[in-house]
């Protein structure tokens, strides 16, 4: 499943470690393989149609680096633009919480839902600020 990953903080790096450890089990049990085709952090976005390995992304953050160091980095592009730059089926959103605007999480979740993507988020702000709207988008496009 072509997947976009927003945020490379503790939550998403932890998720990648679990997915790496359980990769074979998830594949066999659920017939599911995730391919991370785009990733965003505070430095911007990067896209790789073939996909980034879980190990590559875990190592990147372990070295204290950012998405801007990845092959496929798109200078000047924002997190909010990522859904218009790549075809995917799943958004995993773990950007920092902003309880005033909900962004960048809220904007990227809205855009993904309008494209019919599935969304997983650990970010509470979009849900606090726009739960009814997001439910409507799921009903309309999901």
N, C-alpha and C. Protein backbone atom coordinates (compact mmCIF):
# COMPACT_ATOMS: atom_id res chain seq x y z
N UNK A 1 0.84 -1.17 0.00
CA UNK A 1 0.00 0.00 0.00
C UNK A 1 0.89 1.24 0.00
N UNK A 2 0.66 2.09 -0.96
CA UNK A 2 1.45 3.33 -1.09
C UNK A 2 1.06 4.27 0.04
N UNK A 3 2.07 4.66 0.83
CA UNK A 3 1.85 5.36 2.08
C UNK A 3 2.65 6.65 2.15
N UNK A 4 2.02 7.69 2.70
CA UNK A 4 2.67 8.97 2.95
C UNK A 4 2.80 9.11 4.46
N UNK A 5 3.99 9.46 4.90
CA UNK A 5 4.29 9.59 6.33
C UNK A 5 4.56 11.06 6.65
N UNK A 6 3.74 11.62 7.53
CA UNK A 6 3.92 13.02 7.94
C UNK A 6 4.50 13.03 9.35
N UNK A 7 5.72 13.54 9.46
CA UNK A 7 6.39 13.61 10.74
C UNK A 7 7.33 12.45 10.96
N UNK A 8 8.51 12.76 11.44
CA UNK A 8 9.49 11.73 11.78
C UNK A 8 9.93 11.90 13.24
N UNK A 9 8.94 12.14 14.08
CA UNK A 9 9.21 12.27 15.50
C UNK A 9 9.12 10.92 16.18
N UNK A 10 9.05 10.95 17.48
CA UNK A 10 9.06 9.75 18.30
C UNK A 10 7.95 8.77 17.92
N UNK A 11 6.75 9.27 17.68
CA UNK A 11 5.61 8.39 17.38
C UNK A 11 5.82 7.65 16.07
N UNK A 12 6.12 8.37 15.00
CA UNK A 12 6.25 7.70 13.69
C UNK A 12 7.52 6.86 13.59
N UNK A 13 8.60 7.28 14.23
CA UNK A 13 9.80 6.44 14.24
C UNK A 13 9.51 5.16 15.02
N UNK A 14 8.79 5.29 16.13
CA UNK A 14 8.39 4.10 16.89
C UNK A 14 7.52 3.17 16.05
N UNK A 15 6.59 3.75 15.30
CA UNK A 15 5.73 2.96 14.41
C UNK A 15 6.57 2.24 13.36
N UNK A 16 7.52 2.94 12.76
CA UNK A 16 8.38 2.31 11.75
C UNK A 16 9.17 1.14 12.34
N UNK A 17 9.65 1.31 13.55
CA UNK A 17 10.39 0.22 14.21
C UNK A 17 9.50 -1.00 14.43
N UNK A 18 8.27 -0.77 14.88
CA UNK A 18 7.33 -1.88 15.06
C UNK A 18 7.01 -2.54 13.73
N UNK A 19 6.74 -1.73 12.71
CA UNK A 19 6.42 -2.29 11.39
C UNK A 19 7.59 -3.08 10.82
N UNK A 20 8.79 -2.60 11.05
CA UNK A 20 9.98 -3.32 10.59
C UNK A 20 10.09 -4.66 11.30
N UNK A 21 9.90 -4.66 12.60
CA UNK A 21 9.98 -5.88 13.39
C UNK A 21 8.88 -6.88 13.02
N UNK A 22 7.71 -6.37 12.70
CA UNK A 22 6.54 -7.22 12.43
C UNK A 22 6.21 -7.34 10.94
N UNK A 23 7.13 -6.91 10.09
CA UNK A 23 6.86 -6.83 8.65
C UNK A 23 6.35 -8.15 8.07
N UNK A 24 7.03 -9.24 8.36
CA UNK A 24 6.64 -10.54 7.81
C UNK A 24 5.28 -10.97 8.36
N UNK A 25 5.06 -10.76 9.64
CA UNK A 25 3.80 -11.13 10.26
C UNK A 25 2.63 -10.33 9.67
N UNK A 26 2.82 -9.03 9.50
CA UNK A 26 1.77 -8.17 8.93
C UNK A 26 1.48 -8.60 7.49
N UNK A 27 2.52 -8.91 6.75
CA UNK A 27 2.34 -9.33 5.37
C UNK A 27 1.55 -10.63 5.28
N UNK A 28 1.93 -11.61 6.08
CA UNK A 28 1.26 -12.91 6.04
C UNK A 28 -0.16 -12.86 6.59
N UNK A 29 -0.29 -12.24 7.75
CA UNK A 29 -1.56 -12.24 8.47
C UNK A 29 -2.60 -11.34 7.84
N UNK A 30 -2.16 -10.20 7.31
CA UNK A 30 -3.09 -9.20 6.80
C UNK A 30 -2.95 -8.92 5.31
N UNK A 31 -2.03 -9.65 4.66
CA UNK A 31 -1.76 -9.46 3.25
C UNK A 31 -1.53 -7.97 2.94
N UNK A 32 -0.66 -7.35 3.73
CA UNK A 32 -0.44 -5.92 3.65
C UNK A 32 1.05 -5.61 3.69
N UNK A 33 1.49 -4.82 2.72
CA UNK A 33 2.86 -4.32 2.70
C UNK A 33 2.79 -2.82 2.47
N UNK A 34 3.38 -2.07 3.39
CA UNK A 34 3.40 -0.62 3.26
C UNK A 34 4.67 -0.19 2.54
N UNK A 35 4.51 0.69 1.58
CA UNK A 35 5.63 1.31 0.88
C UNK A 35 5.54 2.81 1.13
N UNK A 36 6.53 3.35 1.84
CA UNK A 36 6.55 4.78 2.16
C UNK A 36 7.06 5.52 0.93
N UNK A 37 6.14 6.13 0.17
CA UNK A 37 6.50 6.80 -1.09
C UNK A 37 6.74 8.30 -0.92
N UNK A 38 6.35 8.83 0.24
CA UNK A 38 6.58 10.25 0.50
C UNK A 38 6.66 10.45 2.00
N UNK A 39 7.48 11.42 2.39
CA UNK A 39 7.67 11.70 3.81
C UNK A 39 7.87 13.20 3.99
N UNK A 40 7.38 13.70 5.12
CA UNK A 40 7.53 15.13 5.41
C UNK A 40 7.95 15.32 6.86
N UNK A 41 8.75 16.33 7.08
CA UNK A 41 9.07 16.79 8.42
C UNK A 41 9.21 18.30 8.37
N UNK A 42 9.75 18.89 9.41
CA UNK A 42 9.83 20.35 9.47
C UNK A 42 10.74 20.95 8.39
N UNK A 43 11.57 20.12 7.75
CA UNK A 43 12.46 20.62 6.70
C UNK A 43 11.83 20.59 5.31
N UNK A 44 10.69 19.92 5.17
CA UNK A 44 10.03 19.84 3.88
C UNK A 44 9.56 18.44 3.54
N UNK A 45 9.45 18.17 2.23
CA UNK A 45 8.95 16.87 1.78
C UNK A 45 9.93 16.21 0.83
N UNK A 46 9.85 14.88 0.80
CA UNK A 46 10.64 14.10 -0.15
C UNK A 46 9.74 13.00 -0.71
N UNK A 47 9.94 12.70 -1.98
CA UNK A 47 9.12 11.69 -2.67
C UNK A 47 10.04 10.71 -3.39
N UNK A 48 9.70 9.43 -3.24
CA UNK A 48 10.42 8.37 -3.92
C UNK A 48 9.39 7.34 -4.36
N UNK A 49 9.10 7.30 -5.65
CA UNK A 49 8.05 6.43 -6.17
C UNK A 49 8.29 4.96 -5.86
N UNK A 50 9.56 4.57 -5.75
CA UNK A 50 9.90 3.18 -5.41
C UNK A 50 9.72 2.94 -3.91
N UNK A 51 9.88 3.99 -3.13
CA UNK A 51 9.68 3.89 -1.69
C UNK A 51 10.97 4.02 -0.90
N UNK A 52 10.83 4.56 0.29
CA UNK A 52 11.93 4.64 1.25
C UNK A 52 11.85 3.43 2.17
N UNK A 53 12.98 2.85 2.49
CA UNK A 53 12.96 1.72 3.42
C UNK A 53 12.72 2.24 4.83
N UNK A 54 12.12 1.42 5.65
CA UNK A 54 11.90 1.77 7.04
C UNK A 54 13.24 2.05 7.71
N UNK A 55 14.23 1.21 7.39
CA UNK A 55 15.57 1.36 7.99
C UNK A 55 16.18 2.71 7.63
N UNK A 56 16.00 3.13 6.39
CA UNK A 56 16.56 4.41 5.94
C UNK A 56 15.98 5.57 6.74
N UNK A 57 14.67 5.54 6.96
CA UNK A 57 14.02 6.62 7.68
C UNK A 57 14.37 6.61 9.17
N UNK A 58 14.44 5.43 9.75
CA UNK A 58 14.84 5.31 11.15
C UNK A 58 16.27 5.81 11.33
N UNK A 59 17.15 5.41 10.44
CA UNK A 59 18.56 5.82 10.50
C UNK A 59 18.70 7.32 10.33
N UNK A 60 17.94 7.88 9.41
CA UNK A 60 17.99 9.32 9.14
C UNK A 60 17.78 10.10 10.43
N UNK A 61 16.73 9.77 11.16
CA UNK A 61 16.44 10.50 12.39
C UNK A 61 17.44 10.16 13.49
N UNK A 62 17.93 8.92 13.49
CA UNK A 62 18.94 8.52 14.47
C UNK A 62 20.21 9.33 14.33
N UNK A 63 20.51 9.76 13.11
CA UNK A 63 21.69 10.58 12.85
C UNK A 63 21.42 12.07 13.07
N UNK A 64 20.18 12.40 13.43
CA UNK A 64 19.83 13.80 13.64
C UNK A 64 19.56 14.56 12.36
N UNK A 65 19.36 13.83 11.26
CA UNK A 65 19.11 14.47 9.97
C UNK A 65 17.62 14.66 9.74
N UNK A 66 17.33 15.30 8.62
CA UNK A 66 15.95 15.62 8.26
C UNK A 66 15.64 15.13 6.85
N UNK A 67 14.37 15.22 6.49
CA UNK A 67 13.90 14.83 5.16
C UNK A 67 14.70 15.52 4.06
N UNK A 68 15.17 16.71 4.34
CA UNK A 68 15.94 17.46 3.33
C UNK A 68 17.21 16.73 2.90
N UNK A 69 17.63 15.73 3.63
CA UNK A 69 18.82 14.94 3.27
C UNK A 69 18.48 13.73 2.40
N UNK A 70 17.21 13.46 2.19
CA UNK A 70 16.79 12.29 1.41
C UNK A 70 16.83 12.55 -0.09
N UNK A 71 17.12 11.50 -0.84
CA UNK A 71 16.94 11.57 -2.29
C UNK A 71 15.46 11.82 -2.53
N UNK A 72 15.14 12.68 -3.47
CA UNK A 72 13.75 13.00 -3.76
C UNK A 72 13.23 14.21 -3.00
N UNK A 73 14.12 14.87 -2.25
CA UNK A 73 13.72 16.07 -1.52
C UNK A 73 13.29 17.15 -2.52
N UNK A 74 12.18 17.82 -2.21
CA UNK A 74 11.64 18.87 -3.08
C UNK A 74 11.76 20.22 -2.36
N UNK A 75 12.81 20.97 -2.64
CA UNK A 75 13.02 22.25 -1.96
C UNK A 75 11.83 23.20 -2.16
N UNK A 76 11.45 23.87 -1.09
CA UNK A 76 10.39 24.87 -1.18
C UNK A 76 8.99 24.32 -1.04
N UNK A 77 8.83 23.01 -1.06
CA UNK A 77 7.49 22.42 -0.92
C UNK A 77 7.15 22.26 0.56
N UNK A 78 5.88 22.46 0.88
CA UNK A 78 5.43 22.35 2.26
C UNK A 78 4.72 21.03 2.51
N UNK A 79 4.59 20.70 3.77
CA UNK A 79 3.86 19.48 4.15
C UNK A 79 2.47 19.48 3.54
N UNK A 80 1.81 20.63 3.57
CA UNK A 80 0.43 20.72 3.06
C UNK A 80 0.32 20.38 1.58
N UNK A 81 1.40 20.50 0.82
CA UNK A 81 1.36 20.23 -0.62
C UNK A 81 1.58 18.76 -0.97
N UNK A 82 1.93 17.94 -0.01
CA UNK A 82 2.39 16.58 -0.31
C UNK A 82 1.34 15.73 -1.01
N UNK A 83 0.06 15.87 -0.64
CA UNK A 83 -0.96 15.02 -1.26
C UNK A 83 -1.19 15.34 -2.73
N UNK A 84 -0.76 16.53 -3.16
CA UNK A 84 -0.88 16.89 -4.58
C UNK A 84 0.34 16.46 -5.39
N UNK A 85 1.34 15.92 -4.73
CA UNK A 85 2.60 15.56 -5.40
C UNK A 85 2.77 14.06 -5.59
N UNK A 86 1.90 13.25 -4.99
CA UNK A 86 2.12 11.80 -4.99
C UNK A 86 0.77 11.07 -4.98
N UNK A 87 0.75 9.90 -5.58
CA UNK A 87 -0.41 9.03 -5.52
C UNK A 87 -0.19 8.03 -4.39
N UNK A 88 -1.18 7.90 -3.52
CA UNK A 88 -1.06 6.98 -2.38
C UNK A 88 -2.45 6.52 -1.97
N UNK A 89 -2.48 5.59 -1.03
CA UNK A 89 -3.75 5.10 -0.49
C UNK A 89 -3.87 5.36 1.01
N UNK A 90 -2.73 5.66 1.66
CA UNK A 90 -2.73 5.79 3.12
C UNK A 90 -1.87 6.97 3.55
N UNK A 91 -2.40 7.75 4.48
CA UNK A 91 -1.66 8.83 5.13
C UNK A 91 -1.49 8.46 6.59
N UNK A 92 -0.25 8.46 7.05
CA UNK A 92 0.03 8.31 8.48
C UNK A 92 0.53 9.67 8.94
N UNK A 93 -0.28 10.33 9.77
CA UNK A 93 -0.03 11.72 10.12
C UNK A 93 0.40 11.81 11.58
N UNK A 94 1.60 12.32 11.80
CA UNK A 94 2.14 12.47 13.14
C UNK A 94 2.88 13.79 13.31
N UNK A 95 2.33 14.84 12.74
CA UNK A 95 2.98 16.15 12.86
C UNK A 95 2.75 16.70 14.27
N UNK A 96 3.51 17.72 14.65
CA UNK A 96 3.32 18.32 15.98
C UNK A 96 1.90 18.91 16.13
N UNK A 97 1.41 18.87 17.36
CA UNK A 97 0.07 19.37 17.67
C UNK A 97 0.08 20.91 17.68
N UNK A 98 -0.89 21.49 16.97
CA UNK A 98 -1.12 22.93 17.00
C UNK A 98 -2.61 23.14 17.27
N UNK A 99 -2.94 23.44 18.52
CA UNK A 99 -4.35 23.55 18.90
C UNK A 99 -5.01 24.85 18.45
N UNK A 100 -4.26 25.75 17.84
CA UNK A 100 -4.87 26.97 17.30
C UNK A 100 -5.37 26.76 15.88
N UNK A 101 -4.52 26.18 15.00
CA UNK A 101 -4.91 26.00 13.59
C UNK A 101 -5.10 24.53 13.21
N UNK A 102 -4.45 23.64 13.96
CA UNK A 102 -4.50 22.21 13.61
C UNK A 102 -3.53 21.84 12.50
N UNK A 103 -2.81 22.82 11.99
CA UNK A 103 -1.93 22.57 10.85
C UNK A 103 -0.49 22.30 11.28
N UNK A 104 0.25 21.59 10.45
CA UNK A 104 -0.08 21.15 9.09
C UNK A 104 -0.98 19.92 9.03
N UNK A 105 -1.17 19.26 10.18
CA UNK A 105 -1.94 18.02 10.18
C UNK A 105 -3.33 18.13 9.60
N UNK A 106 -4.08 19.14 10.03
CA UNK A 106 -5.47 19.28 9.58
C UNK A 106 -5.55 19.46 8.07
N UNK A 107 -4.71 20.31 7.52
CA UNK A 107 -4.75 20.56 6.06
C UNK A 107 -4.44 19.29 5.27
N UNK A 108 -3.43 18.57 5.69
CA UNK A 108 -3.03 17.37 4.94
C UNK A 108 -4.05 16.25 5.11
N UNK A 109 -4.67 16.15 6.29
CA UNK A 109 -5.73 15.15 6.49
C UNK A 109 -6.93 15.47 5.60
N UNK A 110 -7.34 16.73 5.58
CA UNK A 110 -8.46 17.13 4.70
C UNK A 110 -8.18 16.73 3.25
N UNK A 111 -7.01 17.08 2.79
CA UNK A 111 -6.64 16.81 1.40
C UNK A 111 -6.63 15.31 1.11
N UNK A 112 -6.06 14.53 2.02
CA UNK A 112 -6.00 13.07 1.83
C UNK A 112 -7.40 12.47 1.79
N UNK A 113 -8.26 12.89 2.70
CA UNK A 113 -9.63 12.35 2.72
C UNK A 113 -10.38 12.69 1.45
N UNK A 114 -10.18 13.90 0.92
CA UNK A 114 -10.83 14.30 -0.33
C UNK A 114 -10.36 13.46 -1.51
N UNK A 115 -9.19 12.86 -1.39
CA UNK A 115 -8.67 11.98 -2.44
C UNK A 115 -9.07 10.52 -2.21
N UNK A 116 -9.79 10.26 -1.13
CA UNK A 116 -10.24 8.91 -0.83
C UNK A 116 -9.20 8.05 -0.12
N UNK A 117 -8.14 8.68 0.39
CA UNK A 117 -7.11 7.94 1.11
C UNK A 117 -7.62 7.56 2.51
N UNK A 118 -7.11 6.48 3.03
CA UNK A 118 -7.29 6.16 4.44
C UNK A 118 -6.32 7.03 5.23
N UNK A 119 -6.72 7.38 6.46
CA UNK A 119 -5.89 8.25 7.30
C UNK A 119 -5.76 7.65 8.69
N UNK A 120 -4.53 7.64 9.18
CA UNK A 120 -4.24 7.28 10.57
C UNK A 120 -3.51 8.48 11.16
N UNK A 121 -3.97 8.94 12.33
CA UNK A 121 -3.31 10.08 12.95
C UNK A 121 -3.14 9.87 14.44
N UNK A 122 -2.01 10.32 14.94
CA UNK A 122 -1.76 10.38 16.38
C UNK A 122 -1.95 11.81 16.86
N UNK A 123 -2.25 12.70 15.94
CA UNK A 123 -2.35 14.13 16.21
C UNK A 123 -3.77 14.47 16.65
N UNK A 124 -3.91 14.93 17.87
CA UNK A 124 -5.24 15.21 18.40
C UNK A 124 -5.84 16.52 17.89
N UNK A 125 -5.01 17.47 17.51
CA UNK A 125 -5.52 18.80 17.14
C UNK A 125 -6.54 18.76 16.00
N UNK A 126 -6.28 18.07 14.90
CA UNK A 126 -7.29 18.05 13.82
C UNK A 126 -8.63 17.49 14.30
N UNK A 127 -8.59 16.52 15.19
CA UNK A 127 -9.83 15.93 15.69
C UNK A 127 -10.56 16.87 16.63
N UNK A 128 -9.81 17.56 17.48
CA UNK A 128 -10.41 18.52 18.41
C UNK A 128 -11.04 19.68 17.64
N UNK A 129 -10.35 20.18 16.63
CA UNK A 129 -10.79 21.37 15.92
C UNK A 129 -11.80 21.11 14.81
N UNK A 130 -11.79 19.92 14.24
CA UNK A 130 -12.61 19.72 13.03
C UNK A 130 -13.20 18.31 12.92
N UNK A 131 -13.55 17.71 14.05
CA UNK A 131 -14.05 16.33 14.02
C UNK A 131 -15.24 16.15 13.09
N UNK A 132 -16.26 16.99 13.23
CA UNK A 132 -17.47 16.85 12.40
C UNK A 132 -17.15 17.01 10.92
N UNK A 133 -16.32 17.98 10.60
CA UNK A 133 -15.93 18.19 9.20
C UNK A 133 -15.20 16.97 8.65
N UNK A 134 -14.27 16.42 9.43
CA UNK A 134 -13.51 15.25 8.97
C UNK A 134 -14.42 14.04 8.80
N UNK A 135 -15.37 13.87 9.71
CA UNK A 135 -16.36 12.79 9.58
C UNK A 135 -17.16 12.94 8.30
N UNK A 136 -17.53 14.18 7.98
CA UNK A 136 -18.27 14.46 6.75
C UNK A 136 -17.43 14.10 5.52
N UNK A 137 -16.16 14.46 5.55
CA UNK A 137 -15.27 14.12 4.42
C UNK A 137 -15.14 12.61 4.26
N UNK A 138 -15.05 11.90 5.37
CA UNK A 138 -14.96 10.44 5.31
C UNK A 138 -16.22 9.87 4.67
N UNK A 139 -17.36 10.38 5.09
CA UNK A 139 -18.64 9.90 4.55
C UNK A 139 -18.74 10.22 3.05
N UNK A 140 -18.33 11.41 2.68
CA UNK A 140 -18.47 11.86 1.30
C UNK A 140 -17.47 11.19 0.36
N UNK A 141 -16.21 11.02 0.79
CA UNK A 141 -15.15 10.54 -0.11
C UNK A 141 -14.63 9.14 0.21
N UNK A 142 -14.97 8.63 1.39
CA UNK A 142 -14.37 7.38 1.87
C UNK A 142 -14.93 6.14 1.34
